[in-house]
């Protein structure tokens, strides 16, 4: 997991996966997302993390509002903007509030923020992962919502399904329990298997998915429909 440190806080942020098929042209659609923040490190961190979960998205960084305006701003599916940017250009983003997500460093104060979708970036990595996946799955009040991926979700682990990374049915069961917060010993008891077997499955999972972080495993499990985000 990539971490970006700023003012004592790990800025680990990302939003939903936007991938859809352009039915009229028969081509894959690549949604574009704008990140608008004067802090370059914040922008790069967000761009990297969105890119992990949204491989088909085009993510552009703007350090100043004027740069966004010169770049056909209305073509973007979502704007991630700092609270300061919103305060300085409220009229512009109010007209596009269904596409705007405000990046906050605490509880929003004042009437300017109440009509916008917001994301508190001062949360732990796992908490942010969970909240953003829930936000994506359920959509939001302005109904700007696209599927997690072009792959049909497969709820539950008992259905016959070929995992894209070759996870076995048992490994999927272990993955779901890891994501739900169970310890190795608890997983062994729940599945009635040995502790060493759980450890072996866990090693295989992390190698096949090329990630050891719980957040990375969580994203994979939710995207592939193995678990609902609000059950994590």
C-alpha atoms as a PDB file:
ATOM      1  CA  UNK A   1       0.000   0.000   0.000  1.00  0.00           C
ATOM      2  CA  UNK A   2       1.338   3.433  -0.921  1.00  0.00           C
ATOM      3  CA  UNK A   3       1.182   5.999   1.847  1.00  0.00           C
ATOM      4  CA  UNK A   4       1.601   9.738   1.603  1.00  0.00           C
ATOM      5  CA  UNK A   5       2.380  11.658   4.745  1.00  0.00           C
ATOM      6  CA  UNK A   6       1.259  15.242   5.191  1.00  0.00           C
ATOM      7  CA  UNK A   7       0.986  17.175   8.457  1.00  0.00           C
ATOM      8  CA  UNK A   8       1.151  13.975  10.476  1.00  0.00           C
ATOM      9  CA  UNK A   9      -1.654  12.241   8.603  1.00  0.00           C
ATOM     10  CA  UNK A  10      -1.485   9.430   6.080  1.00  0.00           C
ATOM     11  CA  UNK A  11      -3.451  10.649   3.092  1.00  0.00           C
ATOM     12  CA  UNK A  12      -4.803   7.414   1.682  1.00  0.00           C
ATOM     13  CA  UNK A  13      -7.804   8.127  -0.440  1.00  0.00           C
ATOM     14  CA  UNK A  14      -9.590   6.725  -3.341  1.00  0.00           C
ATOM     15  CA  UNK A  15     -13.106   6.499  -4.643  1.00  0.00           C
ATOM     16  CA  UNK A  16     -15.181   4.024  -6.541  1.00  0.00           C
ATOM     17  CA  UNK A  17     -14.209   2.076  -9.652  1.00  0.00           C
ATOM     18  CA  UNK A  18     -15.741   3.599 -12.751  1.00  0.00           C
ATOM     19  CA  UNK A  19     -15.838   1.151 -15.664  1.00  0.00           C
ATOM     20  CA  UNK A  20     -18.649   0.827 -18.176  1.00  0.00           C
ATOM     21  CA  UNK A  21     -19.281  -0.113 -21.780  1.00  0.00           C
ATOM     22  CA  UNK A  22     -20.261   2.446 -24.393  1.00  0.00           C
ATOM     23  CA  UNK A  23     -23.244   0.639 -25.879  1.00  0.00           C
ATOM     24  CA  UNK A  24     -23.665   2.982 -28.816  1.00  0.00           C
ATOM     25  CA  UNK A  25     -20.087   2.585 -30.035  1.00  0.00           C
ATOM     26  CA  UNK A  26     -19.378  -0.851 -28.656  1.00  0.00           C
ATOM     27  CA  UNK A  27     -16.255   0.525 -27.018  1.00  0.00           C
ATOM     28  CA  UNK A  28     -15.049   0.727 -23.444  1.00  0.00           C
ATOM     29  CA  UNK A  29     -15.692   4.091 -21.856  1.00  0.00           C
ATOM     30  CA  UNK A  30     -12.888   5.737 -19.896  1.00  0.00           C
ATOM     31  CA  UNK A  31     -14.381   8.148 -17.363  1.00  0.00           C
ATOM     32  CA  UNK A  32     -12.275  11.170 -16.508  1.00  0.00           C
ATOM     33  CA  UNK A  33     -11.751  12.416 -12.975  1.00  0.00           C
ATOM     34  CA  UNK A  34     -10.281  15.733 -11.871  1.00  0.00           C
ATOM     35  CA  UNK A  35      -8.291  16.218  -8.676  1.00  0.00           C
ATOM     36  CA  UNK A  36      -8.026  19.848  -7.652  1.00  0.00           C
ATOM     37  CA  UNK A  37      -5.744  20.667  -4.737  1.00  0.00           C
ATOM     38  CA  UNK A  38      -2.794  23.005  -4.298  1.00  0.00           C
ATOM     39  CA  UNK A  39      -0.846  20.272  -2.487  1.00  0.00           C
ATOM     40  CA  UNK A  40       0.971  18.236  -5.135  1.00  0.00           C
ATOM     41  CA  UNK A  41       1.727  15.359  -2.765  1.00  0.00           C
ATOM     42  CA  UNK A  42      -1.950  15.028  -1.887  1.00  0.00           C
ATOM     43  CA  UNK A  43      -2.891  14.987  -5.565  1.00  0.00           C
ATOM     44  CA  UNK A  44      -0.282  12.382  -6.478  1.00  0.00           C
ATOM     45  CA  UNK A  45      -1.316  10.143  -3.606  1.00  0.00           C
ATOM     46  CA  UNK A  46      -4.959  10.308  -4.591  1.00  0.00           C
ATOM     47  CA  UNK A  47      -4.155   9.783  -8.255  1.00  0.00           C
ATOM     48  CA  UNK A  48      -2.103   6.670  -7.477  1.00  0.00           C
ATOM     49  CA  UNK A  49      -4.759   5.131  -5.280  1.00  0.00           C
ATOM     50  CA  UNK A  50      -7.647   5.835  -7.637  1.00  0.00           C
ATOM     51  CA  UNK A  51      -5.563   4.327 -10.412  1.00  0.00           C
ATOM     52  CA  UNK A  52      -5.223   1.085  -8.457  1.00  0.00           C
ATOM     53  CA  UNK A  53      -8.950   0.588  -8.187  1.00  0.00           C
ATOM     54  CA  UNK A  54      -9.922   2.339 -11.428  1.00  0.00           C
ATOM     55  CA  UNK A  55      -7.497   1.101 -14.092  1.00  0.00           C
ATOM     56  CA  UNK A  56      -9.716   2.389 -16.916  1.00  0.00           C
ATOM     57  CA  UNK A  57     -10.125   5.924 -15.598  1.00  0.00           C
ATOM     58  CA  UNK A  58      -8.245   8.967 -16.816  1.00  0.00           C
ATOM     59  CA  UNK A  59      -7.193  10.949 -13.742  1.00  0.00           C
ATOM     60  CA  UNK A  60      -5.954  14.502 -14.134  1.00  0.00           C
ATOM     61  CA  UNK A  61      -4.351  16.749 -11.522  1.00  0.00           C
ATOM     62  CA  UNK A  62      -4.877  20.509 -11.245  1.00  0.00           C
ATOM     63  CA  UNK A  63      -3.096  22.622  -8.655  1.00  0.00           C
ATOM     64  CA  UNK A  64      -5.075  25.755  -9.486  1.00  0.00           C
ATOM     65  CA  UNK A  65      -8.717  26.339 -10.378  1.00  0.00           C
ATOM     66  CA  UNK A  66      -7.705  28.316 -13.469  1.00  0.00           C
ATOM     67  CA  UNK A  67      -5.979  25.218 -14.871  1.00  0.00           C
ATOM     68  CA  UNK A  68      -9.211  23.260 -14.591  1.00  0.00           C
ATOM     69  CA  UNK A  69     -11.219  25.981 -16.328  1.00  0.00           C
ATOM     70  CA  UNK A  70      -8.815  25.956 -19.292  1.00  0.00           C
ATOM     71  CA  UNK A  71      -9.268  22.184 -19.654  1.00  0.00           C
ATOM     72  CA  UNK A  72     -12.954  21.735 -20.610  1.00  0.00           C
ATOM     73  CA  UNK A  73     -14.100  21.186 -17.001  1.00  0.00           C
ATOM     74  CA  UNK A  74     -17.543  19.769 -17.751  1.00  0.00           C
ATOM     75  CA  UNK A  75     -16.131  16.600 -19.325  1.00  0.00           C
ATOM     76  CA  UNK A  76     -15.242  15.185 -15.888  1.00  0.00           C
ATOM     77  CA  UNK A  77     -17.380  12.562 -14.208  1.00  0.00           C
ATOM     78  CA  UNK A  78     -16.238  13.646 -10.733  1.00  0.00           C
ATOM     79  CA  UNK A  79     -14.238  16.421  -9.138  1.00  0.00           C
ATOM     80  CA  UNK A  80     -12.221  15.793  -5.982  1.00  0.00           C
ATOM     81  CA  UNK A  81     -11.596  19.280  -4.598  1.00  0.00           C
ATOM     82  CA  UNK A  82     -10.096  20.754  -1.463  1.00  0.00           C
ATOM     83  CA  UNK A  83     -12.378  22.627   0.916  1.00  0.00           C
ATOM     84  CA  UNK A  84     -10.453  25.835   0.253  1.00  0.00           C
ATOM     85  CA  UNK A  85     -11.095  25.522  -3.474  1.00  0.00           C
ATOM     86  CA  UNK A  86     -14.798  25.046  -2.819  1.00  0.00           C
ATOM     87  CA  UNK A  87     -14.960  28.150  -0.647  1.00  0.00           C
ATOM     88  CA  UNK A  88     -13.216  30.235  -3.291  1.00  0.00           C
ATOM     89  CA  UNK A  89     -15.327  28.959  -6.196  1.00  0.00           C
ATOM     90  CA  UNK A  90     -18.615  27.917  -4.614  1.00  0.00           C
ATOM     91  CA  UNK A  91     -20.780  29.075  -7.510  1.00  0.00           C
ATOM     92  CA  UNK A  92     -18.949  26.881 -10.034  1.00  0.00           C
ATOM     93  CA  UNK A  93     -19.146  23.723  -7.942  1.00  0.00           C
ATOM     94  CA  UNK A  94     -22.697  24.353  -6.737  1.00  0.00           C
ATOM     95  CA  UNK A  95     -23.854  24.049 -10.343  1.00  0.00           C
ATOM     96  CA  UNK A  96     -21.998  20.725 -10.478  1.00  0.00           C
ATOM     97  CA  UNK A  97     -22.634  19.513  -6.952  1.00  0.00           C
ATOM     98  CA  UNK A  98     -23.786  16.085  -8.159  1.00  0.00           C
ATOM     99  CA  UNK A  99     -20.233  15.550  -9.456  1.00  0.00           C
ATOM    100  CA  UNK A 100     -18.270  17.210  -6.655  1.00  0.00           C
ATOM    101  CA  UNK A 101     -16.597  15.492  -3.697  1.00  0.00           C
ATOM    102  CA  UNK A 102     -15.041  17.721  -1.070  1.00  0.00           C
ATOM    103  CA  UNK A 103     -11.833  16.548   0.617  1.00  0.00           C
ATOM    104  CA  UNK A 104     -12.006  17.467   4.292  1.00  0.00           C
ATOM    105  CA  UNK A 105      -9.551  17.236   7.174  1.00  0.00           C
ATOM    106  CA  UNK A 106     -12.218  17.141   9.851  1.00  0.00           C
ATOM    107  CA  UNK A 107     -15.886  17.887  10.430  1.00  0.00           C
ATOM    108  CA  UNK A 108     -17.304  20.329   7.844  1.00  0.00           C
ATOM    109  CA  UNK A 109     -18.164  23.737   9.289  1.00  0.00           C
ATOM    110  CA  UNK A 110     -20.522  26.204   7.660  1.00  0.00           C
ATOM    111  CA  UNK A 111     -23.391  26.040   5.178  1.00  0.00           C
ATOM    112  CA  UNK A 112     -21.122  25.780   2.127  1.00  0.00           C
ATOM    113  CA  UNK A 113     -20.451  22.086   2.664  1.00  0.00           C
ATOM    114  CA  UNK A 114     -23.892  20.724   3.513  1.00  0.00           C
ATOM    115  CA  UNK A 115     -25.082  20.311  -0.082  1.00  0.00           C
ATOM    116  CA  UNK A 116     -21.955  18.481  -1.258  1.00  0.00           C
ATOM    117  CA  UNK A 117     -20.674  14.969  -0.935  1.00  0.00           C
ATOM    118  CA  UNK A 118     -17.615  14.970   1.317  1.00  0.00           C
ATOM    119  CA  UNK A 119     -14.804  12.676   2.371  1.00  0.00           C
ATOM    120  CA  UNK A 120     -12.877  12.995   5.622  1.00  0.00           C
ATOM    121  CA  UNK A 121      -9.281  12.165   4.721  1.00  0.00           C
ATOM    122  CA  UNK A 122      -8.089  11.996   8.336  1.00  0.00           C
ATOM    123  CA  UNK A 123      -9.254   8.429   8.827  1.00  0.00           C
ATOM    124  CA  UNK A 124      -7.325   5.186   8.915  1.00  0.00           C
ATOM    125  CA  UNK A 125      -6.626   3.429   5.653  1.00  0.00           C
ATOM    126  CA  UNK A 126      -8.992   0.554   6.439  1.00  0.00           C
ATOM    127  CA  UNK A 127     -11.809   2.903   7.472  1.00  0.00           C
ATOM    128  CA  UNK A 128     -11.443   4.950   4.299  1.00  0.00           C
ATOM    129  CA  UNK A 129     -11.446   1.799   2.218  1.00  0.00           C
ATOM    130  CA  UNK A 130     -14.642   0.573   3.820  1.00  0.00           C
ATOM    131  CA  UNK A 131     -16.462   3.907   3.585  1.00  0.00           C
ATOM    132  CA  UNK A 132     -15.505   4.523  -0.019  1.00  0.00           C
ATOM    133  CA  UNK A 133     -16.534   1.050  -1.099  1.00  0.00           C
ATOM    134  CA  UNK A 134     -19.880   1.439   0.669  1.00  0.00           C
ATOM    135  CA  UNK A 135     -20.284   4.830  -0.995  1.00  0.00           C
ATOM    136  CA  UNK A 136     -19.603   3.272  -4.368  1.00  0.00           C
ATOM    137  CA  UNK A 137     -21.850   0.251  -3.929  1.00  0.00           C
ATOM    138  CA  UNK A 138     -24.867   2.191  -2.785  1.00  0.00           C
ATOM    139  CA  UNK A 139     -24.326   5.201  -4.991  1.00  0.00           C
ATOM    140  CA  UNK A 140     -25.214   8.590  -3.572  1.00  0.00           C
ATOM    141  CA  UNK A 141     -28.161  10.895  -3.468  1.00  0.00           C
ATOM    142  CA  UNK A 142     -27.445  12.465  -6.873  1.00  0.00           C
ATOM    143  CA  UNK A 143     -27.330   9.009  -8.469  1.00  0.00           C
ATOM    144  CA  UNK A 144     -23.902   9.536 -10.041  1.00  0.00           C
ATOM    145  CA  UNK A 145     -22.940   5.931  -9.794  1.00  0.00           C
ATOM    146  CA  UNK A 146     -21.265   3.402 -12.051  1.00  0.00           C
ATOM    147  CA  UNK A 147     -20.503  -0.284 -11.457  1.00  0.00           C
ATOM    148  CA  UNK A 148     -17.385  -1.388  -9.648  1.00  0.00           C
ATOM    149  CA  UNK A 149     -16.247  -3.211 -12.760  1.00  0.00           C
ATOM    150  CA  UNK A 150     -17.460  -4.728 -15.982  1.00  0.00           C
ATOM    151  CA  UNK A 151     -17.325  -8.122 -14.296  1.00  0.00           C
ATOM    152  CA  UNK A 152     -20.667  -9.416 -13.015  1.00  0.00           C
ATOM    153  CA  UNK A 153     -20.569  -9.641  -9.192  1.00  0.00           C
ATOM    154  CA  UNK A 154     -20.622 -13.073  -7.653  1.00  0.00           C
ATOM    155  CA  UNK A 155     -22.142 -12.825  -4.199  1.00  0.00           C
ATOM    156  CA  UNK A 156     -21.151 -15.540  -1.794  1.00  0.00           C
ATOM    157  CA  UNK A 157     -18.435 -18.149  -2.206  1.00  0.00           C
ATOM    158  CA  UNK A 158     -20.566 -21.234  -2.834  1.00  0.00           C
ATOM    159  CA  UNK A 159     -21.440 -20.390  -6.442  1.00  0.00           C
ATOM    160  CA  UNK A 160     -19.317 -21.919  -9.217  1.00  0.00           C
ATOM    161  CA  UNK A 161     -17.053 -19.107 -10.374  1.00  0.00           C
ATOM    162  CA  UNK A 162     -13.578 -18.861 -11.849  1.00  0.00           C
ATOM    163  CA  UNK A 163     -11.678 -16.245  -9.898  1.00  0.00           C
ATOM    164  CA  UNK A 164      -9.741 -13.935 -12.246  1.00  0.00           C
ATOM    165  CA  UNK A 165      -6.563 -14.475 -10.229  1.00  0.00           C
ATOM    166  CA  UNK A 166      -7.000 -18.170  -9.681  1.00  0.00           C
ATOM    167  CA  UNK A 167      -8.195 -18.210  -6.065  1.00  0.00           C
ATOM    168  CA  UNK A 168      -9.697 -21.535  -5.069  1.00  0.00           C
ATOM    169  CA  UNK A 169     -13.110 -21.760  -3.373  1.00  0.00           C
ATOM    170  CA  UNK A 170     -11.416 -22.308  -0.003  1.00  0.00           C
ATOM    171  CA  UNK A 171      -9.080 -19.372  -0.543  1.00  0.00           C
ATOM    172  CA  UNK A 172     -12.078 -17.173  -1.319  1.00  0.00           C
ATOM    173  CA  UNK A 173     -13.678 -18.287   1.956  1.00  0.00           C
ATOM    174  CA  UNK A 174     -10.484 -17.401   3.814  1.00  0.00           C
ATOM    175  CA  UNK A 175     -10.249 -14.070   1.977  1.00  0.00           C
ATOM    176  CA  UNK A 176     -13.766 -13.082   3.043  1.00  0.00           C
ATOM    177  CA  UNK A 177     -13.028 -13.899   6.681  1.00  0.00           C
ATOM    178  CA  UNK A 178      -9.767 -11.934   6.576  1.00  0.00           C
ATOM    179  CA  UNK A 179     -11.619  -8.935   5.193  1.00  0.00           C
ATOM    180  CA  UNK A 180     -14.240  -9.295   7.936  1.00  0.00           C
ATOM    181  CA  UNK A 181     -11.488  -9.018  10.548  1.00  0.00           C
ATOM    182  CA  UNK A 182     -11.122 -12.604  11.733  1.00  0.00           C
ATOM    183  CA  UNK A 183      -7.732 -13.730  13.069  1.00  0.00           C
ATOM    184  CA  UNK A 184      -6.020 -16.842  11.730  1.00  0.00           C
ATOM    185  CA  UNK A 185      -7.062 -18.926  14.746  1.00  0.00           C
ATOM    186  CA  UNK A 186     -10.676 -17.783  14.396  1.00  0.00           C
ATOM    187  CA  UNK A 187     -10.667 -18.594  10.685  1.00  0.00           C
ATOM    188  CA  UNK A 188      -9.372 -22.075  11.433  1.00  0.00           C
ATOM    189  CA  UNK A 189     -12.143 -22.679  13.956  1.00  0.00           C
ATOM    190  CA  UNK A 190     -14.834 -21.251  11.689  1.00  0.00           C
ATOM    191  CA  UNK A 191     -13.816 -23.365   8.682  1.00  0.00           C
ATOM    192  CA  UNK A 192     -12.835 -26.373  10.786  1.00  0.00           C
ATOM    193  CA  UNK A 193      -9.333 -26.529   9.347  1.00  0.00           C
ATOM    194  CA  UNK A 194      -5.866 -26.410  10.876  1.00  0.00           C
ATOM    195  CA  UNK A 195      -4.061 -23.202  11.736  1.00  0.00           C
ATOM    196  CA  UNK A 196      -1.155 -24.056   9.454  1.00  0.00           C
ATOM    197  CA  UNK A 197      -3.647 -24.595   6.623  1.00  0.00           C
ATOM    198  CA  UNK A 198      -5.075 -21.110   7.176  1.00  0.00           C
ATOM    199  CA  UNK A 199      -1.582 -19.624   7.121  1.00  0.00           C
ATOM    200  CA  UNK A 200      -0.837 -21.491   3.895  1.00  0.00           C
ATOM    201  CA  UNK A 201      -4.078 -20.240   2.288  1.00  0.00           C
ATOM    202  CA  UNK A 202      -3.308 -16.708   3.409  1.00  0.00           C
ATOM    203  CA  UNK A 203       0.165 -16.896   1.861  1.00  0.00           C
ATOM    204  CA  UNK A 204      -1.294 -18.163  -1.413  1.00  0.00           C
ATOM    205  CA  UNK A 205      -3.911 -15.378  -1.430  1.00  0.00           C
ATOM    206  CA  UNK A 206      -1.375 -12.589  -0.928  1.00  0.00           C
ATOM    207  CA  UNK A 207       0.910 -14.027  -3.586  1.00  0.00           C
ATOM    208  CA  UNK A 208      -1.860 -14.443  -6.160  1.00  0.00           C
ATOM    209  CA  UNK A 209      -3.276 -10.963  -5.515  1.00  0.00           C
ATOM    210  CA  UNK A 210       0.147  -9.371  -5.055  1.00  0.00           C
ATOM    211  CA  UNK A 211      -0.896  -7.487  -1.935  1.00  0.00           C
ATOM    212  CA  UNK A 212      -0.522  -7.982   1.791  1.00  0.00           C
ATOM    213  CA  UNK A 213      -2.613  -5.042   2.942  1.00  0.00           C
ATOM    214  CA  UNK A 214      -6.096  -5.586   4.314  1.00  0.00           C
ATOM    215  CA  UNK A 215      -7.278  -2.625   2.259  1.00  0.00           C
ATOM    216  CA  UNK A 216      -6.026  -4.212  -0.940  1.00  0.00           C
ATOM    217  CA  UNK A 217      -7.703  -7.514  -0.069  1.00  0.00           C
ATOM    218  CA  UNK A 218     -10.896  -5.664   0.830  1.00  0.00           C
ATOM    219  CA  UNK A 219     -11.023  -3.870  -2.506  1.00  0.00           C
ATOM    220  CA  UNK A 220     -10.547  -7.154  -4.352  1.00  0.00           C
ATOM    221  CA  UNK A 221     -13.219  -8.984  -2.369  1.00  0.00           C
ATOM    222  CA  UNK A 222     -15.813  -6.248  -2.833  1.00  0.00           C
ATOM    223  CA  UNK A 223     -15.064  -5.652  -6.510  1.00  0.00           C
ATOM    224  CA  UNK A 224     -15.494  -9.359  -7.243  1.00  0.00           C
ATOM    225  CA  UNK A 225     -18.719  -9.567  -5.260  1.00  0.00           C
ATOM    226  CA  UNK A 226     -17.463 -11.909  -2.553  1.00  0.00           C
ATOM    227  CA  UNK A 227     -18.748  -9.630   0.204  1.00  0.00           C
ATOM    228  CA  UNK A 228     -20.880  -6.501   0.555  1.00  0.00           C
ATOM    229  CA  UNK A 229     -18.903  -3.489   1.754  1.00  0.00           C
ATOM    230  CA  UNK A 230     -21.306  -2.831   4.629  1.00  0.00           C
ATOM    231  CA  UNK A 231     -20.607  -6.316   6.028  1.00  0.00           C
ATOM    232  CA  UNK A 232     -16.941  -5.519   6.590  1.00  0.00           C
END
